């Protein structure tokens, strides 16, 4: 199975960029929440890597990403971890991340939605990230 990788950056909330890598091609998209759609095949996997942001908080454990809508994508995996960071940027010298893995269940266009929310509380979301995914029969 081919793998499709999307590392998602959300405006001022993430210091990353949106990368989409199919078989052997890599497309770099702007760092924005309303970027052009991700193009993939029904036989590919989409990976979305979301991490801590200093613009949100210097406490890497204060906020987390959650999935609020998967559209016609099925969540097939989730990996949480930490990355070393400058201690002047993040308390403890690390940031957190989560990698979500999705597989499409139908050909067509769908949307996945994420929110960054305070950990362990019912506080309001700081922001929402929508990713439009166009799924074709083959890639």
C-alpha atoms as a PDB file:
ATOM      1  CA  UNK A   1       0.000   0.000   0.000  1.00  0.00           C
ATOM      2  CA  UNK A   2       1.275   3.460  -0.856  1.00  0.00           C
ATOM      3  CA  UNK A   3       1.497   5.957   1.961  1.00  0.00           C
ATOM      4  CA  UNK A   4       0.411   9.582   1.854  1.00  0.00           C
ATOM      5  CA  UNK A   5       1.957  11.895   4.438  1.00  0.00           C
ATOM      6  CA  UNK A   6       0.480  15.198   5.529  1.00  0.00           C
ATOM      7  CA  UNK A   7       2.244  17.255   8.163  1.00  0.00           C
ATOM      8  CA  UNK A   8      -0.196  20.003   8.937  1.00  0.00           C
ATOM      9  CA  UNK A   9       0.583  23.535  10.036  1.00  0.00           C
ATOM     10  CA  UNK A  10      -2.173  25.821  11.287  1.00  0.00           C
ATOM     11  CA  UNK A  11      -1.553  29.545  10.787  1.00  0.00           C
ATOM     12  CA  UNK A  12       0.253  30.944  13.833  1.00  0.00           C
ATOM     13  CA  UNK A  13      -0.512  27.848  15.893  1.00  0.00           C
ATOM     14  CA  UNK A  14       2.047  25.508  14.361  1.00  0.00           C
ATOM     15  CA  UNK A  15       5.535  26.085  13.094  1.00  0.00           C
ATOM     16  CA  UNK A  16       5.205  23.507  10.348  1.00  0.00           C
ATOM     17  CA  UNK A  17       4.034  23.135   6.803  1.00  0.00           C
ATOM     18  CA  UNK A  18       1.654  20.882   4.938  1.00  0.00           C
ATOM     19  CA  UNK A  19       3.522  18.160   3.122  1.00  0.00           C
ATOM     20  CA  UNK A  20       1.881  15.608   0.911  1.00  0.00           C
ATOM     21  CA  UNK A  21       3.982  12.737  -0.364  1.00  0.00           C
ATOM     22  CA  UNK A  22       2.587  10.122  -2.716  1.00  0.00           C
ATOM     23  CA  UNK A  23       4.526   7.276  -4.296  1.00  0.00           C
ATOM     24  CA  UNK A  24       7.657   9.266  -5.065  1.00  0.00           C
ATOM     25  CA  UNK A  25       6.383  12.823  -5.416  1.00  0.00           C
ATOM     26  CA  UNK A  26       6.326  15.465  -2.657  1.00  0.00           C
ATOM     27  CA  UNK A  27       4.085  18.535  -2.786  1.00  0.00           C
ATOM     28  CA  UNK A  28       4.663  21.363  -0.286  1.00  0.00           C
ATOM     29  CA  UNK A  29       1.568  23.427   0.438  1.00  0.00           C
ATOM     30  CA  UNK A  30       1.325  26.805   2.218  1.00  0.00           C
ATOM     31  CA  UNK A  31       1.128  26.963   6.004  1.00  0.00           C
ATOM     32  CA  UNK A  32      -2.597  27.661   6.309  1.00  0.00           C
ATOM     33  CA  UNK A  33      -5.863  26.197   7.512  1.00  0.00           C
ATOM     34  CA  UNK A  34      -7.656  26.493   4.174  1.00  0.00           C
ATOM     35  CA  UNK A  35      -5.030  25.075   1.838  1.00  0.00           C
ATOM     36  CA  UNK A  36      -5.862  23.340  -1.399  1.00  0.00           C
ATOM     37  CA  UNK A  37      -7.252  19.817  -1.044  1.00  0.00           C
ATOM     38  CA  UNK A  38      -5.072  16.773  -0.409  1.00  0.00           C
ATOM     39  CA  UNK A  39      -5.209  14.458  -3.428  1.00  0.00           C
ATOM     40  CA  UNK A  40      -4.882  10.724  -2.767  1.00  0.00           C
ATOM     41  CA  UNK A  41      -5.946   7.308  -3.995  1.00  0.00           C
ATOM     42  CA  UNK A  42      -8.419   4.961  -2.336  1.00  0.00           C
ATOM     43  CA  UNK A  43      -5.501   2.571  -1.644  1.00  0.00           C
ATOM     44  CA  UNK A  44      -3.367   5.130   0.214  1.00  0.00           C
ATOM     45  CA  UNK A  45      -3.060   6.133   3.868  1.00  0.00           C
ATOM     46  CA  UNK A  46      -3.162   9.729   5.056  1.00  0.00           C
ATOM     47  CA  UNK A  47      -0.953  10.690   8.014  1.00  0.00           C
ATOM     48  CA  UNK A  48      -1.581  13.987   9.794  1.00  0.00           C
ATOM     49  CA  UNK A  49       1.131  15.143  12.233  1.00  0.00           C
ATOM     50  CA  UNK A  50       0.001  17.890  14.639  1.00  0.00           C
ATOM     51  CA  UNK A  51       2.212  19.322  17.374  1.00  0.00           C
ATOM     52  CA  UNK A  52       2.573  21.853  20.186  1.00  0.00           C
ATOM     53  CA  UNK A  53       3.036  25.506  19.350  1.00  0.00           C
ATOM     54  CA  UNK A  54       4.797  28.186  21.372  1.00  0.00           C
ATOM     55  CA  UNK A  55       2.203  30.664  20.079  1.00  0.00           C
ATOM     56  CA  UNK A  56      -0.483  28.696  21.946  1.00  0.00           C
ATOM     57  CA  UNK A  57       1.435  27.988  25.169  1.00  0.00           C
ATOM     58  CA  UNK A  58       4.961  27.298  26.379  1.00  0.00           C
ATOM     59  CA  UNK A  59       3.483  24.390  28.373  1.00  0.00           C
ATOM     60  CA  UNK A  60       3.519  21.458  25.917  1.00  0.00           C
ATOM     61  CA  UNK A  61       0.972  19.577  28.017  1.00  0.00           C
ATOM     62  CA  UNK A  62      -1.620  22.383  28.253  1.00  0.00           C
ATOM     63  CA  UNK A  63      -3.351  21.832  24.877  1.00  0.00           C
ATOM     64  CA  UNK A  64      -4.053  18.862  22.654  1.00  0.00           C
ATOM     65  CA  UNK A  65      -5.384  18.152  19.184  1.00  0.00           C
ATOM     66  CA  UNK A  66      -8.657  16.240  18.859  1.00  0.00           C
ATOM     67  CA  UNK A  67     -10.542  14.972  15.823  1.00  0.00           C
ATOM     68  CA  UNK A  68     -14.034  16.424  15.567  1.00  0.00           C
ATOM     69  CA  UNK A  69     -15.041  14.957  12.167  1.00  0.00           C
ATOM     70  CA  UNK A  70     -13.446  12.247   9.995  1.00  0.00           C
ATOM     71  CA  UNK A  71     -15.761  12.589   7.004  1.00  0.00           C
ATOM     72  CA  UNK A  72     -15.496   9.398   4.943  1.00  0.00           C
ATOM     73  CA  UNK A  73     -12.024   8.642   6.315  1.00  0.00           C
ATOM     74  CA  UNK A  74     -11.504   5.887   8.875  1.00  0.00           C
ATOM     75  CA  UNK A  75      -9.069   6.514  11.739  1.00  0.00           C
ATOM     76  CA  UNK A  76      -6.714   3.512  11.657  1.00  0.00           C
ATOM     77  CA  UNK A  77      -3.941   4.666  13.969  1.00  0.00           C
ATOM     78  CA  UNK A  78      -2.839   7.284  16.437  1.00  0.00           C
ATOM     79  CA  UNK A  79       0.645   7.884  17.842  1.00  0.00           C
ATOM     80  CA  UNK A  80       1.463  10.338  20.650  1.00  0.00           C
ATOM     81  CA  UNK A  81       4.959  11.419  21.582  1.00  0.00           C
ATOM     82  CA  UNK A  82       7.363  14.195  22.476  1.00  0.00           C
ATOM     83  CA  UNK A  83      10.094  16.015  20.580  1.00  0.00           C
ATOM     84  CA  UNK A  84      13.135  17.780  22.072  1.00  0.00           C
ATOM     85  CA  UNK A  85      12.835  21.580  21.974  1.00  0.00           C
ATOM     86  CA  UNK A  86      14.718  24.627  23.182  1.00  0.00           C
ATOM     87  CA  UNK A  87      14.065  25.087  26.932  1.00  0.00           C
ATOM     88  CA  UNK A  88      13.612  28.814  26.279  1.00  0.00           C
ATOM     89  CA  UNK A  89      10.679  27.971  24.006  1.00  0.00           C
ATOM     90  CA  UNK A  90       8.936  25.124  25.875  1.00  0.00           C
ATOM     91  CA  UNK A  91       8.820  24.224  29.565  1.00  0.00           C
ATOM     92  CA  UNK A  92      10.930  21.127  30.156  1.00  0.00           C
ATOM     93  CA  UNK A  93      12.647  21.382  26.764  1.00  0.00           C
ATOM     94  CA  UNK A  94      10.113  19.293  24.789  1.00  0.00           C
ATOM     95  CA  UNK A  95       6.934  19.610  22.776  1.00  0.00           C
ATOM     96  CA  UNK A  96       4.186  17.062  22.182  1.00  0.00           C
ATOM     97  CA  UNK A  97       2.770  15.706  18.950  1.00  0.00           C
ATOM     98  CA  UNK A  98       0.128  13.337  17.677  1.00  0.00           C
ATOM     99  CA  UNK A  99       0.161  11.530  14.326  1.00  0.00           C
ATOM    100  CA  UNK A 100      -3.260  10.442  13.088  1.00  0.00           C
ATOM    101  CA  UNK A 101      -3.511   7.823  10.308  1.00  0.00           C
ATOM    102  CA  UNK A 102      -6.587   7.642   8.108  1.00  0.00           C
ATOM    103  CA  UNK A 103      -7.713   5.391   5.279  1.00  0.00           C
ATOM    104  CA  UNK A 104     -10.447   6.420   2.872  1.00  0.00           C
ATOM    105  CA  UNK A 105     -13.687   4.426   2.823  1.00  0.00           C
ATOM    106  CA  UNK A 106     -15.115   5.935  -0.379  1.00  0.00           C
ATOM    107  CA  UNK A 107     -14.041   7.688  -3.553  1.00  0.00           C
ATOM    108  CA  UNK A 108     -14.922  11.404  -3.685  1.00  0.00           C
ATOM    109  CA  UNK A 109     -14.329  14.540  -1.648  1.00  0.00           C
ATOM    110  CA  UNK A 110     -14.455  14.626   2.155  1.00  0.00           C
ATOM    111  CA  UNK A 111     -13.291  16.808   4.994  1.00  0.00           C
ATOM    112  CA  UNK A 112     -11.447  15.989   8.223  1.00  0.00           C
ATOM    113  CA  UNK A 113     -11.719  18.484  11.087  1.00  0.00           C
ATOM    114  CA  UNK A 114      -9.411  18.939  14.082  1.00  0.00           C
ATOM    115  CA  UNK A 115      -9.530  21.300  17.052  1.00  0.00           C
ATOM    116  CA  UNK A 116      -6.837  22.365  19.507  1.00  0.00           C
ATOM    117  CA  UNK A 117      -8.366  22.346  22.993  1.00  0.00           C
ATOM    118  CA  UNK A 118      -7.221  22.660  26.631  1.00  0.00           C
ATOM    119  CA  UNK A 119      -6.199  19.272  28.058  1.00  0.00           C
ATOM    120  CA  UNK A 120      -8.608  17.732  30.566  1.00  0.00           C
ATOM    121  CA  UNK A 121     -11.159  20.542  30.558  1.00  0.00           C
ATOM    122  CA  UNK A 122     -14.277  21.400  28.655  1.00  0.00           C
ATOM    123  CA  UNK A 123     -12.864  24.776  27.653  1.00  0.00           C
ATOM    124  CA  UNK A 124     -13.471  26.183  24.200  1.00  0.00           C
ATOM    125  CA  UNK A 125     -11.325  25.236  21.240  1.00  0.00           C
ATOM    126  CA  UNK A 126      -8.530  27.690  20.414  1.00  0.00           C
ATOM    127  CA  UNK A 127      -8.884  27.007  16.716  1.00  0.00           C
ATOM    128  CA  UNK A 128     -10.142  24.554  14.131  1.00  0.00           C
ATOM    129  CA  UNK A 129      -8.232  22.965  11.259  1.00  0.00           C
ATOM    130  CA  UNK A 130     -10.152  21.605   8.255  1.00  0.00           C
ATOM    131  CA  UNK A 131      -8.445  19.411   5.660  1.00  0.00           C
ATOM    132  CA  UNK A 132     -10.289  18.673   2.426  1.00  0.00           C
ATOM    133  CA  UNK A 133      -9.333  15.318   0.924  1.00  0.00           C
ATOM    134  CA  UNK A 134     -10.110  14.285  -2.659  1.00  0.00           C
ATOM    135  CA  UNK A 135      -9.975  10.517  -3.048  1.00  0.00           C
ATOM    136  CA  UNK A 136      -9.581   8.937  -6.466  1.00  0.00           C
ATOM    137  CA  UNK A 137      -9.854   5.280  -7.571  1.00  0.00           C
ATOM    138  CA  UNK A 138      -6.074   5.220  -8.141  1.00  0.00           C
ATOM    139  CA  UNK A 139      -3.143   7.460  -7.396  1.00  0.00           C
END
